[in-house]
Amino acid sequence: MGPKLGERLANLLALNRTVAVVLASVLLFGLGEQLWSDFMPELLRVRSWGGQRTSGDLPLDILLLVGTYTFLRNLFEAFCYIGGGTVTARLGDRGSLLLFGVLTILGYSLFLLGTATWMAVLAALLILGWEPLSVPVTFTTVGSTVSERGRGMAFALQSIQKRLPKIIGPFVGGLLLGWARQTWGEDAGQVRGMSILVGTALALGMLSLAVQLRFMPHRPAPPPGPPAIAIVRSFHPILRGLWLAEVCTRWCDWLVRDFVVLYLLLVENVPIAEVGALIALQHFTALLTYLPIGQLTRSRGLRPFIGLTFIFFALFPLALAIAPGGYWLIPVFIIYGLREIGEPARKALITSLIPGEVRARGVGLYWGLRFFATCWSALVGAVIWHLWGPQVLLLTAFAMGCIGAAVYYFLCPSDA
């Protein structure tokens, strides 16, 4: 009875050994990253300005520092997505995951050993490269080992594994940083607390590598296939429309994403532990949608839920701009979480629109080109905040989100 129950559960969740190992790797590396990554802009502010406390009128040099960090992060991730697809196509799932994990471990080591701001930024880029490098592995693993009908559920499970660290990490990180700032002072506590969090992340990364070495099966890599330009030209019209809609919506997202923590800390005067709790609430809300929506995709199709994602992306900056603060921030971050309602469906649609023989490189090119198109958004956001203030920045992001939703509904009709 037990084995049969296990088989039925695995079938329901579209789960097999290879997918399980990939999900475990995503969980462990993701938890390590999420312990500290949301608080990186505050660390940059502290290291640049020392004991000086700023208000909502952030100096231009701090805004540009955070904007430049986000720009470099997105630019680096663009190269990683494209490179990750190529490496996965050449080394296979197991080899590429191990290589990407080693690079991440090197990033954590550099973060702990270096004290200069530029070293922290360089280390963060190496660490944050894990996700874009590993995305093609996830897509090819699901695409090659799970039936098309079960991919929505498989990506729902993958999204849960990815979201759990984003619930636990910011909450724990915010609590630890709050304790560290009370113990050693605001600035020294931020620096020491981040070092503790990064050290914990290093240990989790080592554990993830051990899991991959022990349990990840080796599958031969597919043939290299056609050149990159030929793959891009072969993209399905629906995929091209989705890409364009995502570019507009990711401008909405990245205009404000790395400024949200600074906005809460310096404009809304929210304690850092509560900032971590709000971020955890965002991702917990997203997690609650994944399995029900993953199941509904089997009967209702993928595209209605993808459309809801675009709508909620647009609504978040508007809600944050008009919220009076306090407890009103709770529904704002619930909206922030609901923007992920169509994430598994979007990934399943992309997987189904890219042929299996070029899936790793196609996924890498899709994401990489999207990041190339959006990497400038944080720099633009820094300038908008400096010239006109954070409220105008949030409303500008809302406008870009509306454009993205309109492009999706116009170019990706549900009956196509």
Protein backbone atom coordinates (compact mmCIF):
# COMPACT_ATOMS: atom_id res chain seq x y z
CA MET A 1 0.00 0.00 0.00
CA GLY A 2 2.84 2.35 0.91
CA PRO A 3 4.74 2.05 -2.39
CA LYS A 4 1.51 2.41 -4.37
CA LEU A 5 0.60 5.53 -2.41
CA GLY A 6 4.07 6.90 -3.06
CA GLU A 7 3.75 6.18 -6.78
CA ARG A 8 0.35 7.90 -6.94
CA LEU A 9 1.71 10.95 -5.10
CA ALA A 10 4.74 11.11 -7.38
CA ASN A 11 2.46 10.85 -10.41
CA LEU A 12 0.16 13.59 -9.07
CA LEU A 13 3.14 15.90 -8.47
CA ALA A 14 4.87 14.93 -11.74
CA LEU A 15 7.89 13.99 -9.65
CA ASN A 16 10.79 11.65 -10.49
CA ARG A 17 14.32 11.18 -9.17
CA THR A 18 16.02 13.63 -11.52
CA VAL A 19 13.43 16.35 -10.92
CA ALA A 20 13.65 15.70 -7.15
CA VAL A 21 17.43 16.23 -7.06
CA VAL A 22 17.15 19.43 -9.10
CA LEU A 23 14.43 20.68 -6.74
CA ALA A 24 16.57 19.85 -3.68
CA SER A 25 19.44 21.85 -5.19
CA VAL A 26 17.13 24.79 -5.89
CA LEU A 27 15.84 24.61 -2.31
CA LEU A 28 19.26 24.58 -0.62
CA PHE A 29 21.02 27.13 -2.81
CA GLY A 30 17.88 29.26 -2.86
CA LEU A 31 17.59 29.29 0.93
CA GLY A 32 21.19 30.39 1.23
CA GLU A 33 20.68 33.22 -1.26
CA GLN A 34 17.42 34.45 0.24
CA LEU A 35 18.88 34.79 3.73
CA TRP A 36 20.75 37.92 2.65
CA SER A 37 20.01 39.05 -0.92
CA ASP A 38 17.00 41.28 -0.17
CA PHE A 39 19.09 43.25 2.32
CA MET A 40 22.02 43.86 -0.02
CA PRO A 41 20.91 47.43 -0.95
CA GLU A 42 20.92 48.38 2.75
CA LEU A 43 24.42 46.90 3.14
CA LEU A 44 25.60 49.01 0.20
CA ARG A 45 24.08 52.12 1.81
CA VAL A 46 25.75 51.39 5.15
CA ARG A 47 29.17 50.67 3.62
CA SER A 48 29.00 53.84 1.51
CA TRP A 49 27.64 56.25 4.11
CA GLY A 50 28.80 54.79 7.39
CA GLY A 51 26.92 56.25 10.35
CA GLN A 52 24.99 58.85 8.37
CA ARG A 53 21.25 58.25 8.50
CA THR A 54 19.35 59.22 5.36
CA SER A 55 15.68 59.96 4.83
CA GLY A 56 13.43 59.28 1.88
CA ASP A 57 15.42 61.90 -0.04
CA LEU A 58 18.28 59.52 -0.71
CA PRO A 59 21.47 61.08 -2.08
CA LEU A 60 22.06 60.50 -5.75
CA ASP A 61 25.30 58.57 -5.16
CA ILE A 62 23.50 55.96 -3.02
CA LEU A 63 20.65 55.67 -5.51
CA LEU A 64 23.11 55.23 -8.35
CA LEU A 65 25.14 52.71 -6.34
CA VAL A 66 22.05 50.54 -5.80
CA GLY A 67 20.95 51.11 -9.40
CA THR A 68 24.40 50.17 -10.70
CA TYR A 69 24.45 47.03 -8.54
CA THR A 70 21.06 46.01 -9.95
CA PHE A 71 22.15 46.88 -13.50
CA LEU A 72 25.30 44.75 -13.17
CA ARG A 73 23.27 41.96 -11.58
CA ASN A 74 20.79 41.88 -14.45
CA LEU A 75 23.51 42.21 -17.08
CA PHE A 76 25.47 39.38 -15.48
CA GLU A 77 22.32 37.27 -15.22
CA ALA A 78 21.67 37.85 -18.93
CA PHE A 79 25.07 36.37 -19.78
CA CYS A 80 24.45 33.57 -17.26
CA TYR A 81 21.13 32.59 -18.82
CA ILE A 82 22.65 32.36 -22.27
CA GLY A 83 25.83 30.74 -20.98
CA GLY A 84 23.86 28.42 -18.71
CA GLY A 85 21.87 27.12 -21.66
CA THR A 86 25.03 26.52 -23.67
CA VAL A 87 26.85 24.82 -20.79
CA THR A 88 23.85 22.62 -20.00
CA ALA A 89 23.65 21.59 -23.66
CA ARG A 90 27.33 20.60 -23.55
CA LEU A 91 27.79 19.13 -20.05
CA GLY A 92 24.33 17.75 -19.34
CA ASP A 93 22.23 18.33 -16.23
CA ARG A 94 24.59 16.88 -13.62
CA GLY A 95 27.82 18.42 -14.87
CA SER A 96 26.34 21.87 -15.33
CA LEU A 97 24.68 21.92 -11.89
CA LEU A 98 27.95 20.96 -10.21
CA LEU A 99 29.89 23.63 -12.12
CA PHE A 100 27.35 26.33 -11.27
CA GLY A 101 27.41 25.27 -7.62
CA VAL A 102 31.19 25.58 -7.40
CA LEU A 103 31.03 29.13 -8.83
CA THR A 104 28.46 30.04 -6.19
CA ILE A 105 30.67 28.65 -3.40
CA LEU A 106 33.53 30.80 -4.70
CA GLY A 107 31.25 33.83 -4.52
CA TYR A 108 30.36 33.16 -0.89
CA SER A 109 34.03 32.74 -0.01
CA LEU A 110 34.91 36.07 -1.66
CA PHE A 111 32.08 37.81 0.21
CA LEU A 112 33.37 36.57 3.56
CA LEU A 113 37.02 37.36 2.84
CA GLY A 114 36.60 40.82 1.28
CA THR A 115 35.78 44.10 3.02
CA ALA A 116 35.59 46.57 0.12
CA THR A 117 32.22 47.48 -1.38
CA TRP A 118 33.29 46.43 -4.89
CA MET A 119 34.28 42.99 -3.56
CA ALA A 120 30.84 42.57 -1.97
CA VAL A 121 29.21 43.47 -5.28
CA LEU A 122 31.45 41.08 -7.24
CA ALA A 123 30.79 38.28 -4.75
CA ALA A 124 27.03 38.91 -4.88
CA LEU A 125 27.09 38.67 -8.67
CA LEU A 126 28.84 35.29 -8.53
CA ILE A 127 26.34 34.04 -5.96
CA LEU A 128 23.26 35.40 -7.71
CA GLY A 129 24.43 33.79 -10.94
CA TRP A 130 23.27 30.42 -9.56
CA GLU A 131 19.61 30.92 -10.45
CA PRO A 132 20.02 32.07 -14.09
CA LEU A 133 22.68 29.44 -14.70
CA SER A 134 20.47 26.67 -13.32
CA VAL A 135 17.16 27.66 -14.98
CA PRO A 136 17.97 25.92 -18.31
CA VAL A 137 18.76 22.75 -16.32
CA THR A 138 15.33 22.88 -14.69
CA PHE A 139 13.54 23.38 -17.99
CA THR A 140 15.39 20.62 -19.81
CA THR A 141 14.94 18.21 -16.89
CA VAL A 142 11.18 18.79 -16.70
CA GLY A 143 10.81 18.95 -20.48
CA SER A 144 12.63 15.66 -21.07
CA THR A 145 11.36 13.61 -18.11
CA VAL A 146 7.77 14.85 -17.58
CA SER A 147 4.85 14.56 -19.99
CA GLU A 148 3.41 17.75 -21.48
CA ARG A 149 0.18 17.32 -19.52
CA GLY A 150 2.09 17.18 -16.21
CA ARG A 151 4.46 20.09 -16.80
CA GLY A 152 2.18 22.68 -15.22
CA MET A 153 2.16 20.65 -12.02
CA ALA A 154 5.91 19.94 -12.23
CA PHE A 155 6.66 23.64 -12.52
CA ALA A 156 4.18 24.35 -9.71
CA LEU A 157 6.19 22.02 -7.48
CA GLN A 158 9.42 23.64 -8.67
CA SER A 159 7.98 27.06 -7.86
CA ILE A 160 7.08 25.87 -4.34
CA GLN A 161 10.63 24.64 -3.80
CA LYS A 162 11.91 27.97 -5.10
CA ARG A 163 9.44 29.97 -3.00
CA LEU A 164 10.00 28.24 0.34
CA PRO A 165 13.48 29.77 0.68
CA LYS A 166 11.99 33.17 -0.14
CA ILE A 167 9.60 32.78 2.78
CA ILE A 168 12.07 31.42 5.32
CA GLY A 169 15.15 33.39 4.19
CA PRO A 170 13.95 37.02 4.47
CA PHE A 171 12.05 36.29 7.70
CA VAL A 172 15.06 34.69 9.39
CA GLY A 173 17.45 37.20 7.83
CA GLY A 174 15.37 40.15 9.01
CA LEU A 175 15.20 38.79 12.56
CA LEU A 176 18.94 38.15 12.69
CA LEU A 177 19.80 41.55 11.24
CA GLY A 178 17.41 43.22 13.71
CA TRP A 179 19.19 41.44 16.58
CA ALA A 180 22.63 42.28 15.16
CA ARG A 181 21.77 45.97 14.76
CA GLN A 182 20.55 46.12 18.36
CA THR A 183 23.65 44.30 19.60
CA TRP A 184 26.43 46.04 17.64
CA GLY A 185 24.74 49.20 16.40
CA GLU A 186 22.88 49.87 13.16
CA ASP A 187 25.84 49.94 10.77
CA ALA A 188 28.24 47.45 12.38
CA GLY A 189 25.29 45.14 13.04
CA GLN A 190 24.25 45.24 9.39
CA VAL A 191 27.78 44.27 8.28
CA ARG A 192 28.30 41.55 10.89
CA GLY A 193 24.80 40.19 10.49
CA MET A 194 25.24 39.89 6.74
CA SER A 195 28.49 37.98 7.29
CA ILE A 196 26.67 35.50 9.55
CA LEU A 197 23.93 35.02 6.97
CA VAL A 198 26.41 34.55 4.11
CA GLY A 199 28.39 32.02 6.19
CA THR A 200 25.18 30.04 6.74
CA ALA A 201 24.47 30.22 3.01
CA LEU A 202 27.94 28.84 2.27
CA ALA A 203 27.20 25.79 4.44
CA LEU A 204 23.88 25.21 2.66
CA GLY A 205 25.62 25.45 -0.70
CA MET A 206 28.13 22.81 0.31
CA LEU A 207 25.26 20.54 1.37
CA SER A 208 23.57 21.06 -2.00
CA LEU A 209 26.73 20.03 -3.84
CA ALA A 210 26.92 16.88 -1.73
CA VAL A 211 23.31 15.99 -2.63
CA GLN A 212 24.03 16.48 -6.34
CA LEU A 213 27.19 14.36 -6.24
CA ARG A 214 25.41 11.54 -4.42
CA PHE A 215 22.00 11.39 -6.10
CA MET A 216 21.98 13.27 -9.44
CA PRO A 217 21.87 10.71 -12.28
CA HIS A 218 23.95 11.33 -15.36
CA ARG A 219 22.09 11.82 -18.62
CA PRO A 220 24.02 12.29 -21.87
CA ALA A 221 23.90 15.81 -23.25
CA PRO A 222 21.97 16.33 -26.50
CA PRO A 223 23.77 17.38 -29.71
CA PRO A 224 24.79 21.08 -29.82
CA GLY A 225 22.16 21.96 -32.44
CA PRO A 226 21.86 25.10 -34.59
CA PRO A 227 23.50 28.49 -33.87
CA ALA A 228 21.87 30.89 -31.41
CA ILE A 229 20.51 33.28 -34.06
CA ALA A 230 18.71 30.39 -35.78
CA ILE A 231 17.10 29.36 -32.49
CA VAL A 232 15.87 32.90 -31.83
CA ARG A 233 14.48 33.21 -35.35
CA SER A 234 12.61 29.94 -34.88
CA PHE A 235 10.75 31.19 -31.78
CA HIS A 236 7.00 30.66 -32.04
CA PRO A 237 5.00 33.91 -32.56
CA ILE A 238 3.26 33.35 -29.21
CA LEU A 239 6.68 33.04 -27.54
CA ARG A 240 7.83 36.29 -29.15
CA GLY A 241 4.70 38.06 -27.93
CA LEU A 242 5.18 36.67 -24.43
CA TRP A 243 8.81 37.82 -24.46
CA LEU A 244 7.84 41.38 -25.42
CA ALA A 245 5.14 41.49 -22.75
CA GLU A 246 7.63 40.23 -20.18
CA VAL A 247 10.17 42.89 -21.11
CA CYS A 248 7.61 45.63 -20.39
CA THR A 249 6.50 43.97 -17.16
CA ARG A 250 10.06 43.35 -15.98
CA TRP A 251 10.74 47.05 -16.47
CA CYS A 252 7.82 47.56 -14.08
CA ASP A 253 9.42 45.08 -11.68
CA TRP A 254 13.07 46.14 -11.81
CA LEU A 255 12.36 49.87 -11.73
CA VAL A 256 11.48 49.38 -8.08
CA ARG A 257 12.53 45.90 -6.91
CA ASP A 258 15.86 46.72 -5.25
CA PHE A 259 14.51 50.03 -3.96
CA VAL A 260 11.58 48.47 -2.10
CA VAL A 261 13.63 47.63 1.02
CA LEU A 262 15.13 51.13 1.12
CA TYR A 263 11.63 52.59 0.62
CA LEU A 264 10.28 50.61 3.57
CA LEU A 265 13.26 51.37 5.84
CA LEU A 266 13.77 55.05 5.04
CA VAL A 267 10.40 56.35 3.80
CA GLU A 268 7.91 54.21 5.71
CA ASN A 269 10.28 53.76 8.72
CA VAL A 270 9.52 50.04 8.96
CA PRO A 271 11.94 48.10 11.26
CA ILE A 272 14.19 45.72 9.36
CA ALA A 273 12.70 42.63 11.05
CA GLU A 274 9.23 43.68 9.86
CA VAL A 275 10.63 44.27 6.36
CA GLY A 276 11.79 40.65 6.36
CA ALA A 277 8.33 39.53 7.55
CA LEU A 278 6.61 41.47 4.74
CA ILE A 279 8.88 39.88 2.14
CA ALA A 280 8.17 36.47 3.67
CA LEU A 281 4.42 37.21 3.46
CA GLN A 282 4.82 38.04 -0.22
CA HIS A 283 6.39 34.69 -1.00
CA PHE A 284 4.06 32.73 1.29
CA THR A 285 1.12 34.18 -0.65
CA ALA A 286 2.76 33.07 -3.90
CA LEU A 287 3.35 29.59 -2.51
CA LEU A 288 -0.34 29.14 -1.62
CA THR A 289 -1.30 29.58 -5.28
CA TYR A 290 1.06 27.08 -6.88
CA LEU A 291 -0.50 23.67 -6.33
CA PRO A 292 -4.14 24.76 -6.93
CA ILE A 293 -3.15 26.66 -10.07
CA GLY A 294 -0.86 23.82 -11.18
CA GLN A 295 -3.82 21.46 -10.95
CA LEU A 296 -6.18 23.90 -12.70
CA THR A 297 -3.80 24.25 -15.66
CA ARG A 298 -4.62 20.64 -16.53
CA SER A 299 -8.29 21.51 -17.12
CA ARG A 300 -8.32 25.26 -17.82
CA GLY A 301 -5.12 25.65 -19.81
CA LEU A 302 -2.11 27.86 -19.11
CA ARG A 303 -2.78 31.29 -20.58
CA PRO A 304 -5.59 32.63 -18.31
CA PHE A 305 -3.30 32.32 -15.28
CA ILE A 306 -0.37 33.90 -17.10
CA GLY A 307 -2.58 36.91 -17.77
CA LEU A 308 -3.34 37.30 -14.06
CA THR A 309 0.40 37.40 -13.38
CA PHE A 310 0.78 40.45 -15.63
CA ILE A 311 -2.13 42.21 -13.91
CA PHE A 312 -0.73 41.71 -10.41
CA PHE A 313 2.74 42.80 -11.50
CA ALA A 314 1.20 46.14 -12.48
CA LEU A 315 -0.91 46.48 -9.34
CA PHE A 316 1.91 46.13 -6.79
CA PRO A 317 3.73 49.46 -7.33
CA LEU A 318 0.37 51.28 -7.48
CA ALA A 319 -0.74 49.67 -4.21
CA LEU A 320 2.57 50.56 -2.53
CA ALA A 321 2.32 54.15 -3.77
CA ILE A 322 -1.19 54.75 -2.38
CA ALA A 323 -0.96 52.66 0.82
CA PRO A 324 -0.89 54.87 3.95
CA GLY A 325 1.66 52.57 5.62
CA GLY A 326 1.30 50.55 8.81
CA TYR A 327 -0.98 47.53 8.54
CA TRP A 328 -1.95 48.60 5.01
CA LEU A 329 1.39 47.24 3.87
CA ILE A 330 0.10 43.71 4.55
CA PRO A 331 -2.42 43.67 1.64
CA VAL A 332 0.17 45.43 -0.52
CA PHE A 333 2.60 42.54 -0.09
CA ILE A 334 -0.18 40.00 -0.59
CA ILE A 335 -0.70 41.62 -3.99
CA TYR A 336 3.07 41.39 -4.48
CA GLY A 337 2.82 37.64 -3.91
CA LEU A 338 -0.19 37.14 -6.16
CA ARG A 339 1.83 38.35 -9.13
CA GLU A 340 3.38 34.84 -9.16
CA ILE A 341 -0.01 33.17 -9.69
CA GLY A 342 0.80 32.30 -13.30
CA GLU A 343 4.50 31.55 -12.87
CA PRO A 344 4.25 27.74 -13.27
CA ALA A 345 1.89 28.16 -16.24
CA ARG A 346 4.27 30.64 -17.92
CA LYS A 347 7.22 28.25 -17.55
CA ALA A 348 5.16 25.34 -18.86
CA LEU A 349 4.07 27.39 -21.89
CA ILE A 350 7.66 28.39 -22.67
CA THR A 351 8.76 24.77 -22.37
CA SER A 352 6.03 23.58 -24.75
CA LEU A 353 6.89 26.26 -27.34
CA ILE A 354 10.62 25.43 -27.52
CA PRO A 355 11.54 22.13 -29.25
CA GLY A 356 13.24 19.57 -27.02
CA GLU A 357 16.41 19.37 -29.11
CA VAL A 358 17.23 23.06 -28.46
CA ARG A 359 15.33 23.56 -25.19
CA ALA A 360 18.32 24.31 -22.92
CA ARG A 361 19.76 26.93 -25.26
CA GLY A 362 16.34 28.27 -26.22
CA VAL A 363 15.36 28.85 -22.60
CA GLY A 364 18.73 30.47 -21.89
CA LEU A 365 18.36 32.76 -24.90
CA TYR A 366 14.78 33.69 -23.98
CA TRP A 367 15.71 34.69 -20.44
CA GLY A 368 19.07 36.16 -21.37
CA LEU A 369 17.69 38.45 -24.06
CA ARG A 370 14.94 39.52 -21.66
CA PHE A 371 17.54 40.52 -19.07
CA PHE A 372 19.59 42.39 -21.68
CA ALA A 373 16.46 44.37 -22.53
CA THR A 374 15.63 45.18 -18.90
CA CYS A 375 19.00 45.56 -17.17
CA TRP A 376 18.90 49.37 -17.48
CA SER A 377 15.65 49.73 -15.55
CA ALA A 378 17.17 50.13 -12.06
CA LEU A 379 19.47 52.94 -13.24
CA VAL A 380 16.45 54.70 -14.72
CA GLY A 381 14.62 54.08 -11.44
CA ALA A 382 17.47 55.69 -9.47
CA VAL A 383 17.31 58.81 -11.61
CA ILE A 384 13.50 59.02 -11.35
CA TRP A 385 13.66 58.72 -7.53
CA HIS A 386 16.33 61.43 -7.37
CA LEU A 387 14.52 63.87 -9.67
CA TRP A 388 10.88 63.34 -8.71
CA GLY A 389 10.80 61.13 -5.63
CA PRO A 390 9.76 57.54 -4.85
CA GLN A 391 6.04 58.07 -5.49
CA VAL A 392 6.65 59.03 -9.13
CA LEU A 393 8.93 56.01 -9.47
CA LEU A 394 6.18 53.68 -8.23
CA LEU A 395 3.59 55.21 -10.57
CA THR A 396 5.99 54.92 -13.51
CA ALA A 397 6.42 51.24 -12.71
CA PHE A 398 2.62 50.86 -12.62
CA ALA A 399 2.38 52.39 -16.10
CA MET A 400 4.98 49.96 -17.46
CA GLY A 401 3.10 47.07 -15.89
CA CYS A 402 -0.12 48.15 -17.61
CA ILE A 403 1.70 48.24 -20.95
CA GLY A 404 3.06 44.73 -20.33
CA ALA A 405 -0.40 43.34 -19.53
CA ALA A 406 -1.88 44.99 -22.63
CA VAL A 407 0.87 43.55 -24.85
CA TYR A 408 0.27 40.06 -23.44
CA TYR A 409 -3.49 40.10 -24.02
CA PHE A 410 -3.01 41.54 -27.51
CA LEU A 411 -0.19 39.28 -28.74
CA CYS A 412 -0.92 36.07 -26.81
CA PRO A 413 -4.66 35.40 -27.25
CA SER A 414 -5.97 32.39 -25.31
CA ASP A 415 -7.54 30.86 -28.43
CA ALA A 416 -4.35 31.01 -30.52
